[in-house]
Amino acid sequence: MMRRRPGRAIARAAVGTAVIAGTAGAVHHHQDQKYAQQDQAAYQATATQQQLADQQAQIDQMQQQQYAPPPQYAQPQYAPPPPQYAPPPAAPAPAESATMTQLKELVQLHDAGILSDEEFAAAKQKVLAGG
């Protein structure tokens, strides 16, 4: 029967441990690179989005400046309309003549029934004749 040598078992254990440790280190290194790439991609996406937002803000500002009228052509503030000129006052009614006043009185008396048709016609002829 063969005996095993104790040094080989230790060497085999040491090699196994080194292989496991090396593999773990390589996996860890690979994971670090993967996460670093993901972080870089996320940073670049955020930076790109920020740049796009800044560019859009600049475009909006330029459009507002482009379409805004210069101050001298800006919309005037509300001002009341200019006063409308009133027509000249109506000429005062001419003073009624004595003849017109007498005729109106005769009409009122006739309408009230105080003068008959014949009396009204006679009185009217008399006023119109100047008497």
Protein backbone atom coordinates (compact mmCIF):
# COMPACT_ATOMS: atom_id res chain seq x y z
CA MET A 1 0.00 0.00 0.00
CA MET A 2 1.07 3.31 -0.77
CA ARG A 3 1.20 5.92 1.69
CA ARG A 4 0.34 9.36 0.93
CA ARG A 5 2.73 12.04 1.48
CA PRO A 6 1.51 14.84 3.64
CA GLY A 7 3.18 17.50 1.51
CA ARG A 8 1.17 16.66 -1.52
CA ALA A 9 -2.11 17.12 0.29
CA ILE A 10 -1.02 20.49 1.46
CA ALA A 11 0.14 21.43 -2.00
CA ARG A 12 -3.08 20.23 -3.51
CA ALA A 13 -5.06 22.28 -0.95
CA ALA A 14 -2.90 25.30 -1.63
CA VAL A 15 -3.37 24.98 -5.38
CA GLY A 16 -7.12 24.54 -4.96
CA THR A 17 -7.29 27.59 -2.75
CA ALA A 18 -5.23 29.61 -5.22
CA VAL A 19 -7.45 28.56 -8.09
CA ILE A 20 -10.56 29.51 -6.13
CA ALA A 21 -9.04 32.79 -5.00
CA GLY A 22 -7.83 33.59 -8.49
CA THR A 23 -11.21 32.82 -9.95
CA ALA A 24 -12.90 34.93 -7.30
CA GLY A 25 -10.49 37.77 -8.01
CA ALA A 26 -11.09 37.55 -11.74
CA VAL A 27 -14.84 37.48 -11.24
CA HIS A 28 -14.58 40.41 -8.84
CA HIS A 29 -12.48 42.35 -11.33
CA HIS A 30 -14.94 41.53 -14.11
CA GLN A 31 -17.86 42.66 -11.93
CA ASP A 32 -16.07 45.92 -11.10
CA GLN A 33 -15.51 46.62 -14.78
CA LYS A 34 -19.14 45.82 -15.57
CA TYR A 35 -20.43 48.13 -12.84
CA ALA A 36 -18.00 50.85 -13.88
CA GLN A 37 -19.28 50.63 -17.45
CA GLN A 38 -22.87 50.81 -16.23
CA ASP A 39 -22.05 53.82 -14.06
CA GLN A 40 -20.28 55.50 -16.98
CA ALA A 41 -23.24 54.84 -19.28
CA ALA A 42 -25.68 56.22 -16.70
CA TYR A 43 -23.49 59.30 -16.19
CA GLN A 44 -23.28 59.89 -19.93
CA ALA A 45 -27.05 59.47 -20.32
CA THR A 46 -27.67 61.97 -17.52
CA ALA A 47 -25.13 64.39 -18.99
CA THR A 48 -26.69 64.01 -22.42
CA GLN A 49 -30.16 64.65 -21.04
CA GLN A 50 -28.88 67.74 -19.20
CA GLN A 51 -27.22 69.01 -22.38
CA LEU A 52 -30.43 68.48 -24.34
CA ALA A 53 -32.44 70.30 -21.68
CA ASP A 54 -29.95 73.21 -21.72
CA GLN A 55 -30.05 73.37 -25.52
CA GLN A 56 -33.84 73.35 -25.52
CA ALA A 57 -33.88 76.16 -22.97
CA GLN A 58 -31.53 78.19 -25.18
CA ILE A 59 -33.69 77.51 -28.23
CA ASP A 60 -36.82 78.59 -26.35
CA GLN A 61 -35.12 81.76 -25.16
CA MET A 62 -33.92 82.60 -28.67
CA GLN A 63 -37.38 82.02 -30.11
CA GLN A 64 -38.92 84.32 -27.53
CA GLN A 65 -36.40 86.99 -28.39
CA GLN A 66 -36.92 86.45 -32.09
CA TYR A 67 -40.70 86.74 -32.00
CA ALA A 68 -40.97 89.45 -29.37
CA PRO A 69 -41.51 92.86 -30.97
CA PRO A 70 -38.90 95.49 -30.20
CA PRO A 71 -39.90 97.81 -27.36
CA GLN A 72 -40.76 100.69 -29.70
CA TYR A 73 -43.20 98.40 -31.54
CA ALA A 74 -44.59 96.65 -28.50
CA GLN A 75 -48.31 96.54 -27.93
CA PRO A 76 -49.30 99.82 -26.26
CA GLN A 77 -50.85 99.71 -22.86
CA TYR A 78 -54.58 100.33 -22.79
CA ALA A 79 -55.35 103.96 -23.22
CA PRO A 80 -58.86 105.34 -23.11
CA PRO A 81 -60.22 106.25 -26.51
CA PRO A 82 -59.87 109.87 -27.50
CA PRO A 83 -62.81 111.99 -26.49
CA GLN A 84 -65.56 112.13 -29.05
CA TYR A 85 -66.53 115.57 -30.02
CA ALA A 86 -70.07 116.27 -29.02
CA PRO A 87 -72.25 117.79 -31.66
CA PRO A 88 -72.83 121.48 -31.13
CA PRO A 89 -75.74 122.18 -28.87
CA ALA A 90 -79.02 122.54 -30.66
CA ALA A 91 -79.99 126.08 -31.37
CA PRO A 92 -82.44 127.28 -28.81
CA ALA A 93 -86.00 127.05 -29.97
CA PRO A 94 -87.11 130.34 -31.33
CA ALA A 95 -89.38 132.18 -29.02
CA GLU A 96 -92.92 131.44 -29.92
CA SER A 97 -94.70 134.24 -31.49
CA ALA A 98 -97.85 135.60 -29.93
CA THR A 99 -99.85 134.21 -32.87
CA MET A 100 -98.60 130.64 -32.23
CA THR A 101 -99.32 130.94 -28.52
CA GLN A 102 -102.87 132.09 -29.20
CA LEU A 103 -103.46 129.27 -31.70
CA LYS A 104 -102.25 126.66 -29.19
CA GLU A 105 -104.58 128.06 -26.57
CA LEU A 106 -107.48 127.86 -29.04
CA VAL A 107 -106.63 124.24 -29.83
CA GLN A 108 -106.59 123.38 -26.13
CA LEU A 109 -109.96 125.06 -25.59
CA HIS A 110 -111.43 123.27 -28.61
CA ASP A 111 -110.02 119.89 -27.41
CA ALA A 112 -111.45 120.50 -23.94
CA GLY A 113 -114.86 121.06 -25.47
CA ILE A 114 -115.14 124.70 -24.41
CA LEU A 115 -115.22 125.98 -28.02
CA SER A 116 -117.38 124.46 -30.68
CA ASP A 117 -116.08 123.84 -34.19
CA GLU A 118 -117.62 127.05 -35.48
CA GLU A 119 -116.28 129.13 -32.58
CA PHE A 120 -112.82 127.60 -33.03
CA ALA A 121 -112.79 128.34 -36.79
CA ALA A 122 -113.88 131.93 -36.24
CA ALA A 123 -111.32 132.55 -33.48
CA LYS A 124 -108.58 130.98 -35.58
CA GLN A 125 -109.38 133.25 -38.55
CA LYS A 126 -109.33 136.26 -36.26
CA VAL A 127 -105.84 135.34 -34.79
CA LEU A 128 -104.40 134.60 -38.23
CA ALA A 129 -105.70 137.93 -39.58
CA GLY A 130 -103.62 139.62 -36.88
CA GLY A 131 -106.39 140.74 -34.73
